[in-house]
Amino acid sequence: MKIWTHHYTLQPGSDPARAARNPRHGILLRVEFDGGTIGYADLHPWEEFGHTPLADHMASLGTDQPTLLANLAVRHARTDAAARRAGVSLFDGLPEVRSHALFTDWCEAPRSVFEPCGAEGYTAAKLKIGRNAQREAAALNRFSDLPLRWRLDANASFTTGRGEPLTTFLSQLAPDLRRKIEFLEDPTPYEAAAWAALSEREKIPLALDWELPSTPPPWTGAQIVVIKPASQDAFPLALAATQAGMEMVVTHSMDHPLGQAVALWTAMRLRQRHGDLVRDGGLQATGLYQPDEFSTQIKTKGPATTPPPGTGFGFDNLLARLPWQPLR
């Protein structure tokens, strides 16, 4: 196996309500497997959430002990290589999976940012919460009449218990708004008893994303698992979740469009296997980064996403033109 790399930087977009907070860095891989087949993949760690630095993942490539992210990237490249050799797109024949609308810095955003979502066909919007509970609750209440369900992602930033910030935040939400919460993602670090008590008390579905338990599901208190193909072994995780009666939401990792294409394909394959247990995903990056040649190959119309053209995961000509460097 031979590996080449291409470093990239994704610059935040211009829409403050949708843009990434900071530039993001990663590498694309060009992998030549036995027999001369070539496939491509994305490697994009998030050090803020506990991933080891990019250099560590790169150092592990081609060794007997690759990191989880490096191993997954090579496996995605192998899947891509097989399809490219056959001259087919990996997306052919797969069912559609729609997406929620993603907003990153939304508290000060006017209603006009959210009002078009319903007309465009979105049924849900995902919002990051947990920075300022009182301000966020007040902002959310302003949108309680909009025809949207809300996916609230706290990144485990709250604490548990009565009188603590999470309970205070939820108590400040208008009844109409509370009824429109589709799920609350990672409200606190996962702890089975605390999540079970929270789920029972607040009657809000809880979704588990980061720091999944080491034991297989079911996970007490969690009804939904969020699957990120860039950092999780998606297919066995989805099978275990299905057997436990859990639902799934597949999202990209705010990574390169090639990584986003892998997430889209994974969601479509899982929908094909597990049906409606796979909910609409987080599969779009509208406004997240400045557009480039790659991002413009993924077309969106409301919540629908059209995969990039080409063989494998797509982007054939763009990938071929990149200045690749041998892995050292």
Protein backbone atom coordinates (compact mmCIF):
# COMPACT_ATOMS: atom_id res chain seq x y z
CA MET A 1 0.00 0.00 0.00
CA LYS A 2 1.32 3.42 -1.01
CA ILE A 3 -0.08 6.66 0.38
CA TRP A 4 0.08 10.26 -0.82
CA THR A 5 -1.31 13.25 1.06
CA HIS A 6 -2.66 16.70 0.32
CA HIS A 7 -3.06 19.22 3.14
CA TYR A 8 -6.07 21.51 3.01
CA THR A 9 -7.53 24.43 4.96
CA LEU A 10 -11.24 25.24 5.06
CA GLN A 11 -11.93 28.93 5.66
CA PRO A 12 -15.08 30.05 7.54
CA GLY A 13 -17.97 31.26 5.40
CA SER A 14 -19.30 34.81 5.36
CA ASP A 15 -22.73 34.19 6.95
CA PRO A 16 -22.21 34.59 10.70
CA ALA A 17 -25.23 32.42 11.56
CA ARG A 18 -23.89 29.46 9.58
CA ALA A 19 -20.12 29.86 9.38
CA ALA A 20 -17.52 27.76 11.15
CA ARG A 21 -15.87 29.59 14.04
CA ASN A 22 -12.31 28.99 12.85
CA PRO A 23 -10.41 27.64 9.86
CA ARG A 24 -10.25 23.84 9.83
CA HIS A 25 -7.31 21.72 8.70
CA GLY A 26 -6.97 18.16 7.48
CA ILE A 27 -5.46 15.97 4.79
CA LEU A 28 -6.82 14.14 1.81
CA LEU A 29 -5.37 10.69 1.15
CA ARG A 30 -4.57 9.07 -2.17
CA VAL A 31 -4.04 5.37 -1.50
CA GLU A 32 -2.75 2.81 -3.98
CA PHE A 33 -3.75 -0.71 -2.93
CA ASP A 34 -2.47 -4.09 -4.08
CA GLY A 35 -3.31 -4.51 -7.73
CA GLY A 36 -2.84 -0.84 -8.48
CA THR A 37 -6.33 0.36 -7.57
CA ILE A 38 -6.43 3.91 -6.23
CA GLY A 39 -8.92 5.42 -3.81
CA TYR A 40 -9.31 8.69 -1.94
CA ALA A 41 -10.43 9.67 1.54
CA ASP A 42 -10.42 12.51 4.07
CA LEU A 43 -8.67 12.59 7.45
CA HIS A 44 -9.99 15.39 9.66
CA PRO A 45 -9.51 15.16 13.45
CA TRP A 46 -11.16 17.44 16.02
CA GLU A 47 -8.60 18.03 18.77
CA GLU A 48 -11.16 20.14 20.66
CA PHE A 49 -13.20 16.99 21.25
CA GLY A 50 -10.37 14.69 22.21
CA HIS A 51 -8.92 13.56 18.88
CA THR A 52 -5.15 13.34 18.77
CA PRO A 53 -3.36 15.89 16.54
CA LEU A 54 -3.29 15.43 12.78
CA ALA A 55 0.44 14.68 12.85
CA ASP A 56 -0.17 11.66 15.08
CA HIS A 57 -2.74 10.23 12.67
CA MET A 58 -0.38 10.80 9.74
CA ALA A 59 2.48 9.09 11.58
CA SER A 60 0.28 6.05 12.15
CA LEU A 61 -0.65 5.64 8.48
CA GLY A 62 0.97 2.64 6.91
CA THR A 63 1.95 1.14 10.28
CA ASP A 64 0.57 -1.92 12.04
CA GLN A 65 -1.20 0.33 14.56
CA PRO A 66 -3.07 3.10 12.76
CA THR A 67 -5.27 5.37 14.83
CA LEU A 68 -9.02 4.81 14.57
CA LEU A 69 -9.44 7.85 12.33
CA ALA A 70 -6.54 6.83 10.09
CA ASN A 71 -7.84 3.27 9.82
CA LEU A 72 -11.33 4.50 8.91
CA ALA A 73 -9.91 6.84 6.27
CA VAL A 74 -7.96 4.02 4.63
CA ARG A 75 -11.08 1.84 4.68
CA HIS A 76 -13.06 4.61 2.99
CA ALA A 77 -10.29 4.90 0.40
CA ARG A 78 -10.51 1.14 -0.20
CA THR A 79 -14.28 1.39 -0.74
CA ASP A 80 -13.68 4.30 -3.10
CA ALA A 81 -10.97 2.42 -5.00
CA ALA A 82 -13.20 -0.59 -5.67
CA ALA A 83 -15.93 1.62 -7.12
CA ARG A 84 -13.49 3.62 -9.22
CA ARG A 85 -12.03 0.43 -10.63
CA ALA A 86 -15.55 -0.70 -11.56
CA GLY A 87 -16.30 2.74 -13.03
CA VAL A 88 -19.41 3.29 -10.91
CA SER A 89 -20.63 5.87 -8.41
CA LEU A 90 -21.12 4.61 -4.87
CA PHE A 91 -24.35 6.60 -4.71
CA ASP A 92 -26.10 4.81 -7.56
CA GLY A 93 -29.38 3.17 -6.53
CA LEU A 94 -29.35 4.37 -2.92
CA PRO A 95 -32.35 6.01 -1.21
CA GLU A 96 -32.34 9.72 -0.43
CA VAL A 97 -31.59 10.96 3.08
CA ARG A 98 -32.60 14.54 3.72
CA SER A 99 -30.81 16.94 6.04
CA HIS A 100 -31.56 19.40 8.79
CA ALA A 101 -30.56 23.06 8.46
CA LEU A 102 -27.42 23.79 10.48
CA PHE A 103 -26.79 27.07 12.31
CA THR A 104 -23.61 27.70 14.28
CA ASP A 105 -23.92 31.20 15.82
CA TRP A 106 -27.62 31.86 15.90
CA CYS A 107 -28.56 33.71 19.10
CA GLU A 108 -28.35 37.19 17.60
CA ALA A 109 -29.64 36.11 14.20
CA PRO A 110 -32.91 37.73 13.05
CA ARG A 111 -36.03 35.71 12.34
CA SER A 112 -35.40 36.26 8.64
CA VAL A 113 -32.51 33.75 8.87
CA PHE A 114 -34.88 30.96 9.94
CA GLU A 115 -38.14 31.90 8.23
CA PRO A 116 -37.16 30.57 4.76
CA CYS A 117 -36.34 27.09 6.13
CA GLY A 118 -39.94 25.85 6.18
CA ALA A 119 -40.64 27.11 2.67
CA GLU A 120 -37.46 25.43 1.44
CA GLY A 121 -38.67 22.08 2.79
CA TYR A 122 -36.64 21.72 5.97
CA THR A 123 -38.49 20.15 8.87
CA ALA A 124 -35.71 20.60 11.45
CA ALA A 125 -32.89 22.96 12.34
CA LYS A 126 -29.85 22.10 14.45
CA LEU A 127 -28.54 24.67 16.89
CA LYS A 128 -25.49 24.63 19.15
CA ILE A 129 -26.40 25.55 22.73
CA GLY A 130 -24.71 25.66 26.13
CA ARG A 131 -22.71 28.88 25.99
CA ASN A 132 -25.27 31.18 27.65
CA ALA A 133 -28.41 29.34 28.75
CA GLN A 134 -30.53 32.39 29.56
CA ARG A 135 -29.75 34.18 26.32
CA GLU A 136 -30.27 31.02 24.27
CA ALA A 137 -33.63 30.26 25.87
CA ALA A 138 -34.84 33.80 25.18
CA ALA A 139 -33.67 33.59 21.57
CA LEU A 140 -35.33 30.22 21.02
CA ASN A 141 -38.64 31.46 22.40
CA ARG A 142 -38.70 34.10 19.66
CA PHE A 143 -38.88 31.28 17.11
CA SER A 144 -41.55 29.16 18.80
CA ASP A 145 -44.14 29.83 16.10
CA LEU A 146 -41.92 28.77 13.20
CA PRO A 147 -42.85 25.46 11.48
CA LEU A 148 -39.59 23.77 12.49
CA ARG A 149 -38.50 21.13 14.92
CA TRP A 150 -35.34 21.87 16.86
CA ARG A 151 -32.28 19.68 17.31
CA LEU A 152 -30.32 21.17 20.19
CA ASP A 153 -26.67 20.15 20.59
CA ALA A 154 -25.04 21.09 23.90
CA ASN A 155 -21.69 19.28 23.39
CA ALA A 156 -21.95 18.06 27.01
CA SER A 157 -21.63 21.63 28.29
CA PHE A 158 -24.44 21.50 30.88
CA THR A 159 -24.59 19.94 34.33
CA THR A 160 -27.34 17.75 35.74
CA GLY A 161 -29.72 18.05 38.66
CA ARG A 162 -32.54 20.34 39.64
CA GLY A 163 -31.60 23.99 39.80
CA GLU A 164 -28.52 23.45 37.65
CA PRO A 165 -28.04 25.22 34.28
CA LEU A 166 -29.67 22.55 32.10
CA THR A 167 -32.85 22.43 34.16
CA THR A 168 -32.87 26.22 34.30
CA PHE A 169 -32.49 26.43 30.53
CA LEU A 170 -35.32 23.99 29.85
CA SER A 171 -37.62 25.66 32.38
CA GLN A 172 -37.28 28.97 30.54
CA LEU A 173 -38.48 27.57 27.22
CA ALA A 174 -42.04 28.35 26.17
CA PRO A 175 -44.36 25.29 26.12
CA ASP A 176 -44.86 25.61 22.34
CA LEU A 177 -41.09 25.61 21.85
CA ARG A 178 -40.50 22.64 24.14
CA ARG A 179 -42.99 20.57 22.16
CA LYS A 180 -40.97 21.24 19.02
CA ILE A 181 -37.66 19.92 20.40
CA GLU A 182 -36.93 16.84 18.30
CA PHE A 183 -34.04 15.83 20.53
CA LEU A 184 -31.40 17.20 22.89
CA GLU A 185 -27.92 16.02 21.91
CA ASP A 186 -25.18 15.49 24.49
CA PRO A 187 -26.78 17.67 27.18
CA THR A 188 -24.16 16.49 29.71
CA PRO A 189 -21.33 13.94 29.73
CA TYR A 190 -23.04 10.56 29.48
CA GLU A 191 -23.89 8.84 32.74
CA ALA A 192 -26.67 6.27 32.59
CA ALA A 193 -28.56 7.10 35.79
CA ALA A 194 -28.40 10.86 35.23
CA TRP A 195 -29.56 10.56 31.62
CA ALA A 196 -32.40 8.22 32.58
CA ALA A 197 -33.59 10.67 35.23
CA LEU A 198 -33.28 13.60 32.82
CA SER A 199 -35.18 11.81 30.05
CA GLU A 200 -37.97 10.78 32.41
CA ARG A 201 -38.26 14.18 34.06
CA GLU A 202 -38.13 16.40 30.97
CA LYS A 203 -39.87 14.09 28.46
CA ILE A 204 -37.40 15.11 25.75
CA PRO A 205 -35.57 12.50 23.60
CA LEU A 206 -31.83 12.46 24.24
CA ALA A 207 -29.21 11.82 21.57
CA LEU A 208 -25.71 10.52 22.27
CA ASP A 209 -22.82 11.63 20.08
CA TRP A 210 -19.34 12.05 21.58
CA GLU A 211 -17.84 9.64 24.11
CA LEU A 212 -20.03 6.65 23.39
CA PRO A 213 -19.94 4.04 26.17
CA SER A 214 -17.53 1.16 25.70
CA THR A 215 -20.38 -1.34 26.10
CA PRO A 216 -22.78 -1.90 23.19
CA PRO A 217 -26.25 -0.32 23.19
CA PRO A 218 -28.87 0.02 24.54
CA TRP A 219 -27.61 2.96 26.56
CA THR A 220 -29.95 3.89 29.37
CA GLY A 221 -31.53 7.31 28.90
CA ALA A 222 -30.49 7.68 25.24
CA GLN A 223 -32.99 7.09 22.46
CA ILE A 224 -30.90 8.26 19.49
CA VAL A 225 -27.27 7.75 18.49
CA VAL A 226 -25.47 10.28 16.29
CA ILE A 227 -23.07 8.57 13.89
CA LYS A 228 -20.05 10.34 12.40
CA PRO A 229 -18.44 8.08 9.76
CA ALA A 230 -15.16 10.03 9.91
CA SER A 231 -14.55 8.93 13.50
CA GLN A 232 -16.86 5.96 14.16
CA ASP A 233 -17.17 2.51 12.64
CA ALA A 234 -20.61 3.32 11.31
CA PHE A 235 -22.04 0.03 10.08
CA PRO A 236 -21.53 -2.21 13.14
CA LEU A 237 -22.55 0.71 15.36
CA ALA A 238 -25.76 1.14 13.38
CA LEU A 239 -26.50 -2.59 13.52
CA ALA A 240 -26.05 -2.62 17.30
CA ALA A 241 -28.24 0.46 17.65
CA THR A 242 -30.94 -1.14 15.49
CA GLN A 243 -30.91 -4.30 17.59
CA ALA A 244 -31.30 -2.12 20.69
CA GLY A 245 -34.28 -0.28 19.19
CA MET A 246 -32.43 3.03 18.91
CA GLU A 247 -32.79 5.51 16.08
CA MET A 248 -29.83 7.05 14.25
CA VAL A 249 -28.79 10.41 12.83
CA VAL A 250 -25.76 10.42 10.51
CA THR A 251 -23.74 13.64 10.28
CA HIS A 252 -20.54 14.78 8.66
CA SER A 253 -17.72 16.10 10.83
CA MET A 254 -17.64 19.60 9.36
CA ASP A 255 -14.84 18.18 7.24
CA HIS A 256 -13.72 18.43 3.62
CA PRO A 257 -16.42 17.92 0.95
CA LEU A 258 -14.90 14.49 0.28
CA GLY A 259 -15.53 13.60 3.93
CA GLN A 260 -19.03 15.05 3.63
CA ALA A 261 -19.61 12.79 0.62
CA VAL A 262 -18.57 9.76 2.70
CA ALA A 263 -21.08 10.80 5.39
CA LEU A 264 -23.83 11.23 2.79
CA TRP A 265 -23.11 7.78 1.30
CA THR A 266 -23.05 6.20 4.75
CA ALA A 267 -26.43 7.71 5.61
CA MET A 268 -27.90 6.46 2.34
CA ARG A 269 -26.50 2.95 2.81
CA LEU A 270 -27.80 2.80 6.38
CA ARG A 271 -31.23 4.02 5.26
CA GLN A 272 -31.19 1.24 2.68
CA ARG A 273 -30.41 -1.31 5.41
CA HIS A 274 -32.35 0.00 8.40
CA GLY A 275 -35.14 2.08 6.89
CA ASP A 276 -36.81 4.78 8.94
CA LEU A 277 -34.67 4.06 12.00
CA VAL A 278 -32.24 6.35 10.15
CA ARG A 279 -33.63 9.85 10.57
CA ASP A 280 -32.82 12.87 8.43
CA GLY A 281 -29.15 13.65 8.92
CA GLY A 282 -26.66 16.46 9.23
CA LEU A 283 -25.34 16.13 5.71
CA GLN A 284 -25.06 19.68 4.40
CA ALA A 285 -22.48 22.41 4.97
CA THR A 286 -24.39 25.41 3.60
CA GLY A 287 -22.49 28.56 4.54
CA LEU A 288 -20.12 26.68 6.82
CA TYR A 289 -17.02 27.37 4.74
CA GLN A 290 -16.06 29.56 1.84
CA PRO A 291 -17.07 27.77 -1.37
CA ASP A 292 -14.39 26.10 -3.45
CA GLU A 293 -14.18 23.75 -6.44
CA PHE A 294 -15.02 20.75 -4.27
CA SER A 295 -17.94 22.18 -2.32
CA THR A 296 -19.67 23.40 -5.47
CA GLN A 297 -19.79 19.77 -6.72
CA ILE A 298 -22.29 18.90 -3.95
CA LYS A 299 -25.64 20.41 -4.88
CA THR A 300 -28.42 21.14 -2.41
CA LYS A 301 -32.06 22.09 -2.83
CA GLY A 302 -33.61 22.65 0.56
CA PRO A 303 -32.98 19.52 2.65
CA ALA A 304 -32.17 17.38 -0.41
CA THR A 305 -28.53 16.79 -1.34
CA THR A 306 -27.29 15.68 -4.74
CA PRO A 307 -24.04 13.68 -4.43
CA PRO A 308 -20.96 14.82 -6.33
CA PRO A 309 -20.62 13.43 -9.86
CA GLY A 310 -18.01 10.88 -10.81
CA THR A 311 -16.95 7.41 -9.78
CA GLY A 312 -16.52 6.21 -6.20
CA PHE A 313 -17.22 9.11 -3.86
CA GLY A 314 -16.91 11.52 -6.80
CA PHE A 315 -14.71 14.56 -7.56
CA ASP A 316 -12.70 12.58 -10.14
CA ASN A 317 -11.06 15.44 -12.06
CA LEU A 318 -10.49 17.62 -9.00
CA LEU A 319 -8.75 14.85 -7.08
CA ALA A 320 -6.59 13.96 -10.06
CA ARG A 321 -5.33 17.56 -10.35
CA LEU A 322 -4.25 18.01 -6.72
CA PRO A 323 -0.50 18.28 -5.93
CA TRP A 324 -0.03 15.04 -3.99
CA GLN A 325 2.97 14.44 -1.75
CA PRO A 326 4.29 10.97 -0.79
CA LEU A 327 3.66 10.11 2.84
CA ARG A 328 6.89 10.31 4.81
